[in-house]
Amino acid sequence: MSAADFYDALAPAYHLNYVDWEASIARQAAALQAVLRDRGVAGGSTVLDAACGVGTQSLGLAALGYRVTGSDLSPGAVARARAEAEARGLAIAFGVADLRDLASVHAREFDVVIACDNSIPHLLSDAEIAAAFGQMWRCTRPGGTCLISVRDYDVIDRAGVQSRLPVVHSGSEVRRIVFQVWDFHGEHYDLSLYVVEDAPGGPPSVQVMRTRYYAVGIPTLMELMRRAGFEDVQRLDEPFYQPIVIGRRPG
């Protein structure tokens, strides 16, 4: 299953990855705002969320007053993000774009370009990541900021089969359980995401979606960002829920 197919299938249930998606939207936006303020990025700046998914970061940043454009390689995720924005009365322009082809879709430059939620490691080689960073550089205005968030694979045992603790949602009629299994194959791993629905009076149903990741280390990402032309590249371990790699386009 390609990354686009994976997120198309996951889009209706994506919020189940979170104990409280709405709270996470607000919490992540506040954390990103703090990081951007420290970098001198003013409120109301233009933001390209280049891996917007169903809108977790786009929705929160737009609610704080940033002028957000969102894109993702998954049409299904973009459709849900657009619906979520409309339901909240947020003016966000959404479109479908691959990280490796951003500049041909977004024919302008932004104050900030972001790609959060470990989206970059869906690119399965240094060459693919370098291509994406090159496109992100082209979409960042001179003096602007590029920011990604990723898992820190250097602190993860990258071997064998591993599972991640489930998230359980207990409603009045249906219990939904979401969990992940990771199968490592060298520097790559296959992620299987299981969504179990258990309703009274019948057998549970299980939906399984699979995608592949490149367990790339943060030092490699920082070097690739520098090679793309960004300066002042840094790793930040706070205040976001994942490590951030952030850089500035000279100008």
Protein backbone atom coordinates (compact mmCIF):
# COMPACT_ATOMS: atom_id res chain seq x y z
CA MET A 1 0.00 0.00 0.00
CA SER A 2 1.47 3.36 -1.02
CA ALA A 3 1.61 6.23 1.45
CA ALA A 4 -1.21 7.94 -0.45
CA ASP A 5 -3.37 4.80 -0.35
CA PHE A 6 -2.58 4.32 3.35
CA TYR A 7 -3.75 7.81 4.28
CA ASP A 8 -6.75 7.65 1.94
CA ALA A 9 -7.89 4.56 3.85
CA LEU A 10 -7.02 6.02 7.25
CA ALA A 11 -8.53 9.49 6.73
CA PRO A 12 -12.02 8.76 8.18
CA ALA A 13 -10.50 7.22 11.32
CA TYR A 14 -7.31 9.29 11.65
CA HIS A 15 -8.51 11.06 14.79
CA LEU A 16 -8.63 7.70 16.58
CA ASN A 17 -4.82 7.77 16.78
CA TYR A 18 -5.28 10.40 19.50
CA VAL A 19 -6.88 10.07 22.90
CA ASP A 20 -8.41 13.52 22.25
CA TRP A 21 -7.79 14.86 18.74
CA GLU A 22 -9.38 18.26 19.38
CA ALA A 23 -7.16 18.85 22.41
CA SER A 24 -4.12 17.74 20.40
CA ILE A 25 -4.94 20.22 17.62
CA ALA A 26 -4.92 23.10 20.10
CA ARG A 27 -1.89 21.84 22.04
CA GLN A 28 0.25 21.30 18.95
CA ALA A 29 -0.67 24.70 17.50
CA ALA A 30 0.32 26.43 20.74
CA ALA A 31 3.66 24.59 20.76
CA LEU A 32 4.37 25.47 17.13
CA GLN A 33 3.42 29.08 17.75
CA ALA A 34 5.93 29.22 20.62
CA VAL A 35 8.68 27.85 18.37
CA LEU A 36 7.85 30.29 15.58
CA ARG A 37 7.74 33.25 17.95
CA ASP A 38 11.20 32.33 19.21
CA ARG A 39 12.33 32.51 15.58
CA GLY A 40 10.81 35.95 15.12
CA VAL A 41 7.85 34.76 13.03
CA ALA A 42 4.94 37.13 13.56
CA GLY A 43 1.35 36.10 14.09
CA GLY A 44 -0.65 36.15 10.88
CA SER A 45 2.31 34.95 8.81
CA THR A 46 1.74 32.71 5.81
CA VAL A 47 2.23 28.99 6.44
CA LEU A 48 2.43 26.12 3.97
CA ASP A 49 1.58 22.87 5.73
CA ALA A 50 3.18 20.61 3.14
CA ALA A 51 2.05 17.34 4.75
CA CYS A 52 -1.25 18.48 6.21
CA GLY A 53 -2.98 15.10 6.42
CA VAL A 54 -6.47 15.57 7.86
CA GLY A 55 -5.47 19.00 9.19
CA THR A 56 -4.07 18.47 12.68
CA GLN A 57 -1.56 21.34 12.42
CA SER A 58 -3.34 23.40 9.73
CA LEU A 59 -6.55 23.70 11.73
CA GLY A 60 -4.83 24.75 14.93
CA LEU A 61 -2.53 27.30 13.30
CA ALA A 62 -5.37 28.83 11.29
CA ALA A 63 -7.41 29.15 14.49
CA LEU A 64 -4.51 31.16 15.94
CA GLY A 65 -4.60 33.58 13.02
CA TYR A 66 -1.92 32.24 10.70
CA ARG A 67 -2.77 32.33 6.99
CA VAL A 68 -2.51 28.64 6.19
CA THR A 69 -2.32 26.71 2.94
CA GLY A 70 -2.39 22.93 3.26
CA SER A 71 -1.39 20.16 0.90
CA ASP A 72 -0.84 16.43 1.09
CA LEU A 73 -0.26 13.56 -1.30
CA SER A 74 -3.48 11.87 -0.08
CA PRO A 75 -6.67 13.13 -1.73
CA GLY A 76 -8.73 11.44 0.99
CA ALA A 77 -6.85 13.19 3.78
CA VAL A 78 -7.13 16.54 2.00
CA ALA A 79 -10.88 16.06 1.54
CA ARG A 80 -11.32 15.47 5.26
CA ALA A 81 -9.05 18.41 6.16
CA ARG A 82 -11.14 20.67 3.93
CA ALA A 83 -14.36 19.45 5.55
CA GLU A 84 -12.92 19.95 9.05
CA ALA A 85 -11.87 23.51 8.19
CA GLU A 86 -15.29 24.35 6.75
CA ALA A 87 -17.00 22.94 9.85
CA ARG A 88 -14.87 25.26 12.01
CA GLY A 89 -15.32 28.32 9.80
CA LEU A 90 -11.60 28.45 8.98
CA ALA A 91 -10.38 29.83 5.65
CA ILE A 92 -7.68 27.37 4.56
CA ALA A 93 -6.80 26.62 0.93
CA PHE A 94 -6.15 22.90 0.48
CA GLY A 95 -4.72 20.97 -2.45
CA VAL A 96 -3.07 17.69 -3.36
CA ALA A 97 0.71 17.75 -3.75
CA ASP A 98 3.64 15.40 -3.21
CA LEU A 99 6.45 16.76 -1.03
CA ARG A 100 8.81 16.17 -3.96
CA ASP A 101 6.74 18.38 -6.27
CA LEU A 102 5.60 21.25 -4.04
CA ALA A 103 6.90 24.17 -6.06
CA SER A 104 5.00 23.20 -9.19
CA VAL A 105 1.73 23.20 -7.21
CA HIS A 106 2.38 26.16 -4.90
CA ALA A 107 3.65 28.89 -7.22
CA ARG A 108 4.51 31.30 -4.40
CA GLU A 109 6.74 31.63 -1.35
CA PHE A 110 5.61 31.36 2.28
CA ASP A 111 6.91 32.77 5.54
CA VAL A 112 6.90 29.26 7.02
CA VAL A 113 6.86 25.77 5.49
CA ILE A 114 6.11 22.83 7.80
CA ALA A 115 5.83 19.05 7.52
CA CYS A 116 4.95 17.48 10.87
CA ASP A 117 3.82 14.13 12.31
CA ASN A 118 6.82 12.17 11.00
CA SER A 119 5.80 12.71 7.39
CA ILE A 120 9.32 13.06 5.97
CA PRO A 121 10.33 9.41 6.72
CA HIS A 122 7.66 8.23 4.28
CA LEU A 123 10.33 9.19 1.74
CA LEU A 124 12.41 6.04 1.59
CA SER A 125 15.90 7.31 0.74
CA ASP A 126 18.22 10.25 1.35
CA ALA A 127 17.79 11.22 -2.30
CA GLU A 128 13.99 11.44 -1.97
CA ILE A 129 14.28 13.47 1.24
CA ALA A 130 16.81 15.78 -0.42
CA ALA A 131 14.36 16.32 -3.28
CA ALA A 132 11.60 17.21 -0.81
CA PHE A 133 13.84 19.63 1.11
CA GLY A 134 14.78 21.26 -2.18
CA GLN A 135 11.10 21.82 -2.94
CA MET A 136 10.47 23.13 0.57
CA TRP A 137 13.38 25.56 0.13
CA ARG A 138 11.81 26.86 -3.09
CA CYS A 139 8.49 27.41 -1.29
CA THR A 140 10.10 29.27 1.64
CA ARG A 141 10.61 33.01 1.17
CA PRO A 142 14.11 34.44 1.70
CA GLY A 143 14.50 34.83 5.45
CA GLY A 144 11.66 32.38 6.05
CA THR A 145 11.50 29.26 8.20
CA CYS A 146 11.28 25.55 7.41
CA LEU A 147 10.18 23.17 10.19
CA ILE A 148 9.65 19.42 10.33
CA SER A 149 8.83 17.07 13.20
CA VAL A 150 9.97 13.45 13.25
CA ARG A 151 10.43 10.41 15.44
CA ASP A 152 13.89 10.04 16.96
CA TYR A 153 14.82 6.69 15.47
CA ASP A 154 18.25 6.79 17.10
CA VAL A 155 16.65 5.96 20.47
CA ILE A 156 14.48 3.16 19.05
CA ASP A 157 15.59 -0.46 18.82
CA ARG A 158 15.41 -0.86 15.06
CA ALA A 159 15.18 -4.65 14.90
CA GLY A 160 12.55 -7.36 14.67
CA VAL A 161 8.84 -6.89 15.28
CA GLN A 162 7.60 -4.28 17.72
CA SER A 163 4.19 -3.10 18.88
CA ARG A 164 2.98 0.25 20.16
CA LEU A 165 0.53 0.68 23.03
CA PRO A 166 -3.09 0.87 21.90
CA VAL A 167 -5.39 3.87 22.04
CA VAL A 168 -8.83 2.86 23.31
CA HIS A 169 -12.01 4.84 22.65
CA SER A 170 -14.99 3.56 24.63
CA GLY A 171 -18.25 5.00 23.36
CA SER A 172 -21.77 4.27 24.54
CA GLU A 173 -22.21 1.52 21.95
CA VAL A 174 -18.92 0.86 20.16
CA ARG A 175 -15.42 0.41 21.53
CA ARG A 176 -12.63 1.30 19.09
CA ILE A 177 -9.05 0.21 19.62
CA VAL A 178 -6.13 1.45 17.51
CA PHE A 179 -2.64 -0.03 17.69
CA GLN A 180 0.48 -0.37 15.54
CA VAL A 181 2.93 -3.16 14.72
CA TRP A 182 6.33 -2.30 13.24
CA ASP A 183 8.32 -4.87 11.21
CA PHE A 184 11.92 -3.73 10.77
CA HIS A 185 13.96 -4.65 7.70
CA GLY A 186 17.31 -2.95 8.07
CA GLU A 187 16.89 0.82 7.81
CA HIS A 188 13.23 0.52 6.78
CA TYR A 189 10.15 -0.82 8.52
CA ASP A 190 6.61 -1.71 7.60
CA LEU A 191 3.95 -0.21 9.84
CA SER A 192 0.65 -2.06 10.19
CA LEU A 193 -2.12 -0.02 11.79
CA TYR A 194 -5.09 -1.93 13.19
CA VAL A 195 -8.48 -0.37 13.88
CA VAL A 196 -10.72 -2.73 15.86
CA GLU A 197 -14.42 -1.96 16.33
CA ASP A 198 -16.22 -3.98 18.99
CA ALA A 199 -19.98 -3.50 19.28
CA PRO A 200 -22.38 -5.48 21.47
CA GLY A 201 -24.25 -8.29 19.79
CA GLY A 202 -21.78 -9.15 17.07
CA PRO A 203 -18.19 -10.09 16.29
CA PRO A 204 -15.59 -7.30 16.24
CA SER A 205 -14.44 -5.91 12.90
CA VAL A 206 -10.80 -5.24 12.09
CA GLN A 207 -9.38 -2.89 9.47
CA VAL A 208 -5.65 -3.16 8.72
CA MET A 209 -3.66 -0.53 6.82
CA ARG A 210 0.04 -0.78 5.99
CA THR A 211 2.74 1.61 4.90
CA ARG A 212 6.55 1.79 4.88
CA TYR A 213 8.93 4.19 6.63
CA TYR A 214 12.63 5.00 6.43
CA ALA A 215 14.07 5.02 9.97
CA VAL A 216 16.30 7.98 9.17
CA GLY A 217 18.28 9.62 11.96
CA ILE A 218 17.89 13.25 12.89
CA PRO A 219 21.58 14.10 12.21
CA THR A 220 21.08 12.89 8.63
CA LEU A 221 17.95 15.02 8.26
CA MET A 222 19.79 18.07 9.57
CA GLU A 223 22.62 17.57 7.08
CA LEU A 224 20.19 17.09 4.19
CA MET A 225 18.38 20.28 5.18
CA ARG A 226 21.69 22.17 5.17
CA ARG A 227 22.56 20.78 1.74
CA ALA A 228 19.20 22.02 0.45
CA GLY A 229 20.33 25.54 1.34
CA PHE A 230 18.86 26.15 4.79
CA GLU A 231 20.97 27.81 7.46
CA ASP A 232 20.89 27.83 11.28
CA VAL A 233 19.57 24.26 11.23
CA GLN A 234 18.79 23.12 14.76
CA ARG A 235 17.13 20.31 16.64
CA LEU A 236 14.51 21.27 19.25
CA ASP A 237 13.24 18.69 21.74
CA GLU A 238 10.68 21.05 23.29
CA PRO A 239 7.88 22.15 23.33
CA PHE A 240 6.46 19.90 20.57
CA TYR A 241 5.52 16.26 21.13
CA GLN A 242 8.15 15.12 18.60
CA PRO A 243 11.67 16.44 17.99
CA ILE A 244 11.68 19.37 15.59
CA VAL A 245 14.30 20.14 12.95
CA ILE A 246 14.15 23.79 11.96
CA GLY A 247 16.13 25.95 9.55
CA ARG A 248 16.07 29.31 7.80
CA ARG A 249 16.34 30.17 4.13
CA PRO A 250 19.03 32.86 3.76
CA GLY A 251 17.91 36.28 2.64
